[in-house]
N, C-alpha and C. Protein backbone atom coordinates (compact mmCIF):
# COMPACT_ATOMS: atom_id res chain seq x y z
N MET A 1 109.29 20.78 17.91
CA MET A 1 110.02 21.25 16.76
C MET A 1 110.02 20.17 15.68
N TRP A 2 110.29 18.92 16.06
CA TRP A 2 110.38 17.85 15.06
C TRP A 2 109.04 17.59 14.41
N GLU A 3 107.95 17.79 15.15
CA GLU A 3 106.62 17.63 14.55
C GLU A 3 106.38 18.68 13.48
N LEU A 4 106.81 19.91 13.72
CA LEU A 4 106.66 20.98 12.74
C LEU A 4 107.51 20.70 11.49
N VAL A 5 108.72 20.26 11.69
CA VAL A 5 109.60 19.97 10.56
C VAL A 5 109.06 18.79 9.76
N GLY A 6 108.59 17.77 10.47
CA GLY A 6 108.07 16.58 9.79
C GLY A 6 106.74 16.80 9.10
N ALA A 7 106.00 17.83 9.49
CA ALA A 7 104.68 18.08 8.93
C ALA A 7 104.75 18.75 7.56
N GLU A 8 105.88 19.33 7.22
CA GLU A 8 106.00 20.07 5.96
C GLU A 8 107.11 19.50 5.11
N ARG A 9 107.02 19.75 3.82
CA ARG A 9 108.11 19.43 2.91
C ARG A 9 108.83 20.73 2.60
N PHE A 10 110.13 20.66 2.59
CA PHE A 10 110.95 21.84 2.34
C PHE A 10 111.70 21.67 1.03
N HIS A 11 111.82 22.75 0.32
CA HIS A 11 112.62 22.78 -0.90
C HIS A 11 113.78 23.72 -0.62
N VAL A 12 114.97 23.15 -0.46
CA VAL A 12 116.15 23.94 -0.13
C VAL A 12 117.03 24.01 -1.38
N VAL A 13 117.36 25.22 -1.79
CA VAL A 13 118.23 25.45 -2.95
C VAL A 13 119.59 25.90 -2.44
N ILE A 14 120.64 25.25 -2.93
CA ILE A 14 122.00 25.63 -2.57
C ILE A 14 122.64 26.21 -3.84
N PRO A 15 122.64 27.53 -3.97
CA PRO A 15 123.09 28.15 -5.22
C PRO A 15 124.57 27.92 -5.54
N PHE A 16 125.38 27.65 -4.55
CA PHE A 16 126.81 27.48 -4.78
C PHE A 16 127.22 26.01 -4.84
N ALA A 17 126.29 25.10 -4.91
CA ALA A 17 126.59 23.66 -4.83
C ALA A 17 127.52 23.19 -5.94
N LYS A 18 127.37 23.68 -7.13
CA LYS A 18 128.20 23.22 -8.24
C LYS A 18 129.63 23.75 -8.16
N LYS A 19 129.85 24.77 -7.34
CA LYS A 19 131.19 25.34 -7.21
C LYS A 19 132.02 24.66 -6.12
N ILE A 20 131.42 23.75 -5.36
CA ILE A 20 132.14 23.06 -4.30
C ILE A 20 133.04 22.01 -4.92
N LYS A 21 134.31 22.07 -4.63
CA LYS A 21 135.29 21.12 -5.14
C LYS A 21 136.05 20.52 -3.97
N PHE A 22 136.30 19.23 -4.02
CA PHE A 22 137.09 18.54 -3.02
C PHE A 22 138.46 18.21 -3.60
N GLN A 23 139.47 18.25 -2.76
CA GLN A 23 140.82 17.96 -3.24
C GLN A 23 141.00 16.49 -3.58
N ALA A 24 140.41 15.62 -2.79
CA ALA A 24 140.55 14.18 -3.03
C ALA A 24 139.19 13.60 -3.39
N ASN A 25 139.17 12.79 -4.41
CA ASN A 25 137.92 12.14 -4.83
C ASN A 25 137.84 10.71 -4.30
N ASP A 26 138.59 10.40 -3.24
CA ASP A 26 138.62 9.05 -2.70
C ASP A 26 137.24 8.62 -2.21
N ASN A 27 136.58 9.49 -1.49
CA ASN A 27 135.26 9.16 -0.96
C ASN A 27 134.23 10.00 -1.69
N ARG A 28 133.52 9.41 -2.59
CA ARG A 28 132.56 10.16 -3.41
C ARG A 28 131.30 10.56 -2.65
N ARG A 29 131.14 10.07 -1.43
CA ARG A 29 129.97 10.44 -0.64
C ARG A 29 130.15 11.79 0.06
N ASN A 30 131.38 12.28 0.14
CA ASN A 30 131.62 13.54 0.85
C ASN A 30 130.79 14.70 0.32
N PRO A 31 130.73 14.95 -0.99
CA PRO A 31 129.91 16.08 -1.46
C PRO A 31 128.43 15.90 -1.12
N GLU A 32 127.91 14.71 -1.24
CA GLU A 32 126.51 14.46 -0.91
C GLU A 32 126.24 14.71 0.56
N MET A 33 127.16 14.25 1.42
CA MET A 33 126.97 14.45 2.86
C MET A 33 127.04 15.93 3.21
N LEU A 34 127.94 16.67 2.59
CA LEU A 34 128.04 18.10 2.86
C LEU A 34 126.75 18.81 2.46
N LEU A 35 126.22 18.49 1.28
CA LEU A 35 124.98 19.12 0.84
C LEU A 35 123.81 18.74 1.75
N ASP A 36 123.78 17.50 2.24
CA ASP A 36 122.74 17.09 3.18
C ASP A 36 122.83 17.86 4.48
N LEU A 37 124.05 18.10 4.95
CA LEU A 37 124.23 18.88 6.17
C LEU A 37 123.77 20.33 5.99
N ILE A 38 124.05 20.91 4.83
CA ILE A 38 123.61 22.28 4.56
C ILE A 38 122.09 22.34 4.52
N LYS A 39 121.47 21.37 3.87
CA LYS A 39 120.00 21.33 3.79
C LYS A 39 119.37 21.14 5.16
N SER A 40 119.92 20.23 5.96
CA SER A 40 119.34 19.99 7.29
C SER A 40 119.52 21.21 8.19
N ASN A 41 120.63 21.91 8.05
CA ASN A 41 120.83 23.13 8.83
C ASN A 41 119.80 24.20 8.43
N ALA A 42 119.51 24.30 7.15
CA ALA A 42 118.51 25.26 6.71
C ALA A 42 117.12 24.91 7.25
N MET A 43 116.80 23.63 7.27
CA MET A 43 115.49 23.20 7.79
C MET A 43 115.36 23.48 9.29
N ILE A 44 116.42 23.17 10.04
CA ILE A 44 116.35 23.38 11.49
C ILE A 44 116.28 24.87 11.81
N ARG A 45 116.99 25.69 11.05
CA ARG A 45 116.95 27.13 11.30
C ARG A 45 115.63 27.76 10.87
N PHE A 46 114.81 27.04 10.09
CA PHE A 46 113.51 27.53 9.68
C PHE A 46 112.65 27.74 10.91
C-alpha cells in the first residue's frame, strides 16, 4: 500500500477548509495539523 501511495502525487482539495474556525488561537499549528490529517485520510482511502 505504501509503495502505491508513494509512487503517485495526490492533489487533495478541502472545499470547507476556509470555514473551519477554532475557539482558541493559542496554538496556531492546530488548523494546519487538522488539514494534514484530512489530506492523509483521503490519500489512504484512495
